[in-house]
PDB file of N, CA and C in Angstrom:
ATOM      1  N   MET A   1      -1.138 -22.305 -26.367  1.00  0.00           N
ATOM      2  CA  MET A   1      -2.424 -22.452 -24.707  1.00  0.00           C
ATOM      3  C   MET A   1      -0.786 -21.833 -24.011  1.00  0.00           C
ATOM      4  N   SER A   2      -1.719 -21.230 -22.867  1.00  0.00           N
ATOM      5  CA  SER A   2      -1.268 -20.908 -21.674  1.00  0.00           C
ATOM      6  C   SER A   2      -1.408 -22.099 -20.785  1.00  0.00           C
ATOM      7  N   GLU A   3      -0.203 -22.141 -19.722  1.00  0.00           N
ATOM      8  CA  GLU A   3      -0.220 -23.636 -18.695  1.00  0.00           C
ATOM      9  C   GLU A   3      -1.306 -22.593 -17.786  1.00  0.00           C
ATOM     10  N   PRO A   4      -2.767 -23.696 -17.683  1.00  0.00           N
ATOM     11  CA  PRO A   4      -3.364 -23.461 -16.391  1.00  0.00           C
ATOM     12  C   PRO A   4      -2.786 -22.806 -14.846  1.00  0.00           C
ATOM     13  N   THR A   5      -2.499 -21.334 -13.717  1.00  0.00           N
ATOM     14  CA  THR A   5      -2.544 -21.673 -12.185  1.00  0.00           C
ATOM     15  C   THR A   5      -2.662 -22.645 -11.796  1.00  0.00           C
ATOM     16  N   LEU A   6      -1.701 -21.999 -11.108  1.00  0.00           N
ATOM     17  CA  LEU A   6      -3.023 -22.549  -8.834  1.00  0.00           C
ATOM     18  C   LEU A   6      -4.134 -22.160  -9.107  1.00  0.00           C
ATOM     19  N   ASN A   7      -4.770 -21.486  -9.583  1.00  0.00           N
ATOM     20  CA  ASN A   7      -6.116 -20.397  -9.122  1.00  0.00           C
ATOM     21  C   ASN A   7      -6.910 -20.981  -9.997  1.00  0.00           C
ATOM     22  N   ASP A   8      -6.639 -21.389 -11.310  1.00  0.00           N
ATOM     23  CA  ASP A   8      -7.110 -22.056 -12.320  1.00  0.00           C
ATOM     24  C   ASP A   8      -7.463 -23.193 -11.614  1.00  0.00           C
ATOM     25  N   ILE A   9      -6.271 -23.822 -11.616  1.00  0.00           N
ATOM     26  CA  ILE A   9      -6.778 -25.324 -11.017  1.00  0.00           C
ATOM     27  C   ILE A   9      -7.613 -25.293  -9.722  1.00  0.00           C
ATOM     28  N   GLN A  10      -7.565 -25.032  -8.889  1.00  0.00           N
ATOM     29  CA  GLN A  10      -8.426 -24.962  -7.538  1.00  0.00           C
ATOM     30  C   GLN A  10      -9.970 -24.718  -7.416  1.00  0.00           C
ATOM     31  N   GLY A  11      -9.828 -23.882  -8.474  1.00  0.00           N
ATOM     32  CA  GLY A  11     -10.550 -23.304  -8.836  1.00  0.00           C
ATOM     33  C   GLY A  11     -11.319 -21.692  -7.413  1.00  0.00           C
ATOM     34  N   ASN A  12     -10.523 -21.561  -7.620  1.00  0.00           N
ATOM     35  CA  ASN A  12     -10.416 -20.270  -6.347  1.00  0.00           C
ATOM     36  C   ASN A  12     -10.536 -18.759  -6.860  1.00  0.00           C
ATOM     37  N   VAL A  13     -11.518 -17.975  -6.710  1.00  0.00           N
ATOM     38  CA  VAL A  13     -11.467 -16.963  -8.290  1.00  0.00           C
ATOM     39  C   VAL A  13     -11.466 -15.502  -6.081  1.00  0.00           C
ATOM     40  N   PRO A  14     -10.811 -13.542  -6.399  1.00  0.00           N
ATOM     41  CA  PRO A  14     -10.412 -13.298  -6.461  1.00  0.00           C
ATOM     42  C   PRO A  14     -11.369 -11.984  -5.750  1.00  0.00           C
ATOM     43  N   GLU A  15     -11.053 -12.865  -4.442  1.00  0.00           N
ATOM     44  CA  GLU A  15     -12.383 -11.938  -3.798  1.00  0.00           C
ATOM     45  C   GLU A  15     -13.036 -10.300  -3.569  1.00  0.00           C
ATOM     46  N   PRO A  16     -13.856  -9.515  -4.370  1.00  0.00           N
ATOM     47  CA  PRO A  16     -14.175  -7.559  -4.165  1.00  0.00           C
ATOM     48  C   PRO A  16     -13.288  -7.821  -2.542  1.00  0.00           C
ATOM     49  N   LEU A  17     -12.798  -6.940  -2.603  1.00  0.00           N
ATOM     50  CA  LEU A  17     -12.390  -5.910  -0.702  1.00  0.00           C
ATOM     51  C   LEU A  17     -13.529  -5.305  -0.614  1.00  0.00           C
ATOM     52  N   LEU A  18     -13.705  -5.579   0.934  1.00  0.00           N
ATOM     53  CA  LEU A  18     -14.544  -4.910   1.839  1.00  0.00           C
ATOM     54  C   LEU A  18     -14.146  -4.075   1.736  1.00  0.00           C
ATOM     55  N   PRO A  19     -15.452  -3.124   2.064  1.00  0.00           N
ATOM     56  CA  PRO A  19     -14.821  -1.144   2.493  1.00  0.00           C
ATOM     57  C   PRO A  19     -14.047  -0.960   3.945  1.00  0.00           C
ATOM     58  N   VAL A  20     -14.537  -1.915   4.136  1.00  0.00           N
ATOM     59  CA  VAL A  20     -13.410  -1.727   5.417  1.00  0.00           C
ATOM     60  C   VAL A  20     -12.390  -1.460   5.285  1.00  0.00           C
ATOM     61  N   GLU A  21     -11.823  -3.071   4.564  1.00  0.00           N
ATOM     62  CA  GLU A  21     -10.486  -2.990   3.747  1.00  0.00           C
ATOM     63  C   GLU A  21      -9.843  -1.951   3.190  1.00  0.00           C
ATOM     64  N   LYS A  22     -10.508  -0.843   2.166  1.00  0.00           N
ATOM     65  CA  LYS A  22     -11.013  -0.599   0.840  1.00  0.00           C
ATOM     66  C   LYS A  22     -10.385   1.005   2.321  1.00  0.00           C
ATOM     67  N   LYS A  23     -10.805   1.400   2.901  1.00  0.00           N
ATOM     68  CA  LYS A  23     -10.402   2.189   3.437  1.00  0.00           C
ATOM     69  C   LYS A  23      -9.509   2.143   4.511  1.00  0.00           C
ATOM     70  N   LEU A  24      -9.669   0.809   5.093  1.00  0.00           N
ATOM     71  CA  LEU A  24      -7.778   0.921   6.155  1.00  0.00           C
ATOM     72  C   LEU A  24      -6.907   1.271   4.755  1.00  0.00           C
ATOM     73  N   ILE A  25      -7.092   0.660   3.708  1.00  0.00           N
ATOM     74  CA  ILE A  25      -5.959   0.955   3.017  1.00  0.00           C
ATOM     75  C   ILE A  25      -4.772   3.000   2.969  1.00  0.00           C
ATOM     76  N   GLY A  26      -6.519   3.295   2.064  1.00  0.00           N
ATOM     77  CA  GLY A  26      -6.972   4.410   2.542  1.00  0.00           C
ATOM     78  C   GLY A  26      -6.306   4.895   3.687  1.00  0.00           C
ATOM     79  N   ILE A  27      -5.962   4.984   4.589  1.00  0.00           N
ATOM     80  CA  ILE A  27      -5.337   5.116   5.536  1.00  0.00           C
ATOM     81  C   ILE A  27      -4.434   5.447   5.969  1.00  0.00           C
ATOM     82  N   SER A  28      -3.902   4.477   5.681  1.00  0.00           N
ATOM     83  CA  SER A  28      -2.879   3.574   5.142  1.00  0.00           C
ATOM     84  C   SER A  28      -1.929   4.713   4.587  1.00  0.00           C
ATOM     85  N   LEU A  29      -2.151   4.566   2.582  1.00  0.00           N
ATOM     86  CA  LEU A  29      -1.538   5.317   2.153  1.00  0.00           C
ATOM     87  C   LEU A  29      -1.500   6.293   2.265  1.00  0.00           C
ATOM     88  N   GLY A  30      -2.696   7.290   2.911  1.00  0.00           N
ATOM     89  CA  GLY A  30      -2.474   8.730   3.394  1.00  0.00           C
ATOM     90  C   GLY A  30      -1.702   8.826   4.585  1.00  0.00           C
ATOM     91  N   THR A  31      -1.269   7.644   5.151  1.00  0.00           N
ATOM     92  CA  THR A  31      -0.618   8.355   6.642  1.00  0.00           C
ATOM     93  C   THR A  31       1.066   7.994   5.965  1.00  0.00           C
ATOM     94  N   GLY A  32       1.024   7.426   5.955  1.00  0.00           N
ATOM     95  CA  GLY A  32       2.494   6.959   4.585  1.00  0.00           C
ATOM     96  C   GLY A  32       3.124   8.579   3.498  1.00  0.00           C
ATOM     97  N   ILE A  33       1.829   8.990   3.361  1.00  0.00           N
ATOM     98  CA  ILE A  33       2.218   9.593   2.049  1.00  0.00           C
ATOM     99  C   ILE A  33       2.775  10.881   3.171  1.00  0.00           C
ATOM    100  N   VAL A  34       1.880  11.631   4.203  1.00  0.00           N
ATOM    101  CA  VAL A  34       1.658  12.804   5.099  1.00  0.00           C
ATOM    102  C   VAL A  34       2.782  12.308   5.827  1.00  0.00           C
ATOM    103  N   LEU A  35       2.741  11.441   6.337  1.00  0.00           N
ATOM    104  CA  LEU A  35       4.942  11.143   7.246  1.00  0.00           C
ATOM    105  C   LEU A  35       5.445  11.790   6.211  1.00  0.00           C
ATOM    106  N   LEU A  36       5.346  11.168   4.599  1.00  0.00           N
ATOM    107  CA  LEU A  36       6.935  11.225   4.101  1.00  0.00           C
ATOM    108  C   LEU A  36       6.728  12.936   4.157  1.00  0.00           C
ATOM    109  N   VAL A  37       6.011  13.291   3.903  1.00  0.00           N
ATOM    110  CA  VAL A  37       6.683  14.870   3.308  1.00  0.00           C
ATOM    111  C   VAL A  37       6.614  15.820   4.355  1.00  0.00           C
ATOM    112  N   ILE A  38       6.277  15.489   5.217  1.00  0.00           N
ATOM    113  CA  ILE A  38       6.679  15.259   7.004  1.00  0.00           C
ATOM    114  C   ILE A  38       8.224  15.500   7.469  1.00  0.00           C
ATOM    115  N   LEU A  39       8.782  14.019   6.989  1.00  0.00           N
ATOM    116  CA  LEU A  39       9.689  13.901   7.015  1.00  0.00           C
ATOM    117  C   LEU A  39      10.734  14.706   6.275  1.00  0.00           C
ATOM    118  N   ALA A  40      10.387  14.701   4.869  1.00  0.00           N
ATOM    119  CA  ALA A  40      11.545  15.911   4.015  1.00  0.00           C
ATOM    120  C   ALA A  40      11.598  16.539   3.996  1.00  0.00           C
ATOM    121  N   ILE A  41      10.104  17.956   4.777  1.00  0.00           N
ATOM    122  CA  ILE A  41      10.871  18.811   5.182  1.00  0.00           C
ATOM    123  C   ILE A  41      11.502  18.858   6.792  1.00  0.00           C
ATOM    124  N   VAL A  42      10.675  18.064   7.370  1.00  0.00           N
ATOM    125  CA  VAL A  42      11.214  18.173   8.879  1.00  0.00           C
ATOM    126  C   VAL A  42      13.454  18.428   8.520  1.00  0.00           C
ATOM    127  N   SER A  43      13.592  16.692   7.317  1.00  0.00           N
ATOM    128  CA  SER A  43      15.571  17.359   6.571  1.00  0.00           C
ATOM    129  C   SER A  43      15.769  18.265   6.026  1.00  0.00           C
ATOM    130  N   ARG A  44      14.824  19.075   5.368  1.00  0.00           N
ATOM    131  CA  ARG A  44      15.215  20.341   3.857  1.00  0.00           C
ATOM    132  C   ARG A  44      15.094  21.036   5.440  1.00  0.00           C
ATOM    133  N   TYR A  45      14.452  21.916   7.042  1.00  0.00           N
ATOM    134  CA  TYR A  45      14.977  23.061   7.771  1.00  0.00           C
ATOM    135  C   TYR A  45      15.953  22.370   8.757  1.00  0.00           C
ATOM    136  N   LEU A  46      16.037  20.463   8.951  1.00  0.00           N
ATOM    137  CA  LEU A  46      17.102  20.544   9.957  1.00  0.00           C
ATOM    138  C   LEU A  46      17.817  19.630   9.592  1.00  0.00           C
ATOM    139  N   PRO A  47      19.054  19.889   8.737  1.00  0.00           N
ATOM    140  CA  PRO A  47      20.074  18.555   8.144  1.00  0.00           C
ATOM    141  C   PRO A  47      20.735  18.253   9.414  1.00  0.00           C
ATOM    142  N   ALA A  48      20.868  17.536   8.950  1.00  0.00           N
ATOM    143  CA  ALA A  48      21.898  16.666  10.620  1.00  0.00           C
ATOM    144  C   ALA A  48      22.698  16.562   9.543  1.00  0.00           C
ATOM    145  N   THR A  49      23.901  17.386  11.202  1.00  0.00           N
ATOM    146  CA  THR A  49      24.406  17.762  11.242  1.00  0.00           C
ATOM    147  C   THR A  49      25.527  16.398  12.239  1.00  0.00           C
ATOM    148  N   PHE A  50      26.232  16.191  11.424  1.00  0.00           N
ATOM    149  CA  PHE A  50      27.126  15.523  12.083  1.00  0.00           C
ATOM    150  C   PHE A  50      29.013  14.692  11.891  1.00  0.00           C
TER     151      PHE A  50
END
């Protein structure tokens, strides 16, 4: 049998995310993906020359 984790010992259970937290996570991921695509496009058509 596995040993109990710290959460088991303290009796903590993870709480579900609030709707606003889910929205912030989605916005952050969406912004990151959009900026990554923009960076890829810019670096494709304007390569660094030095």
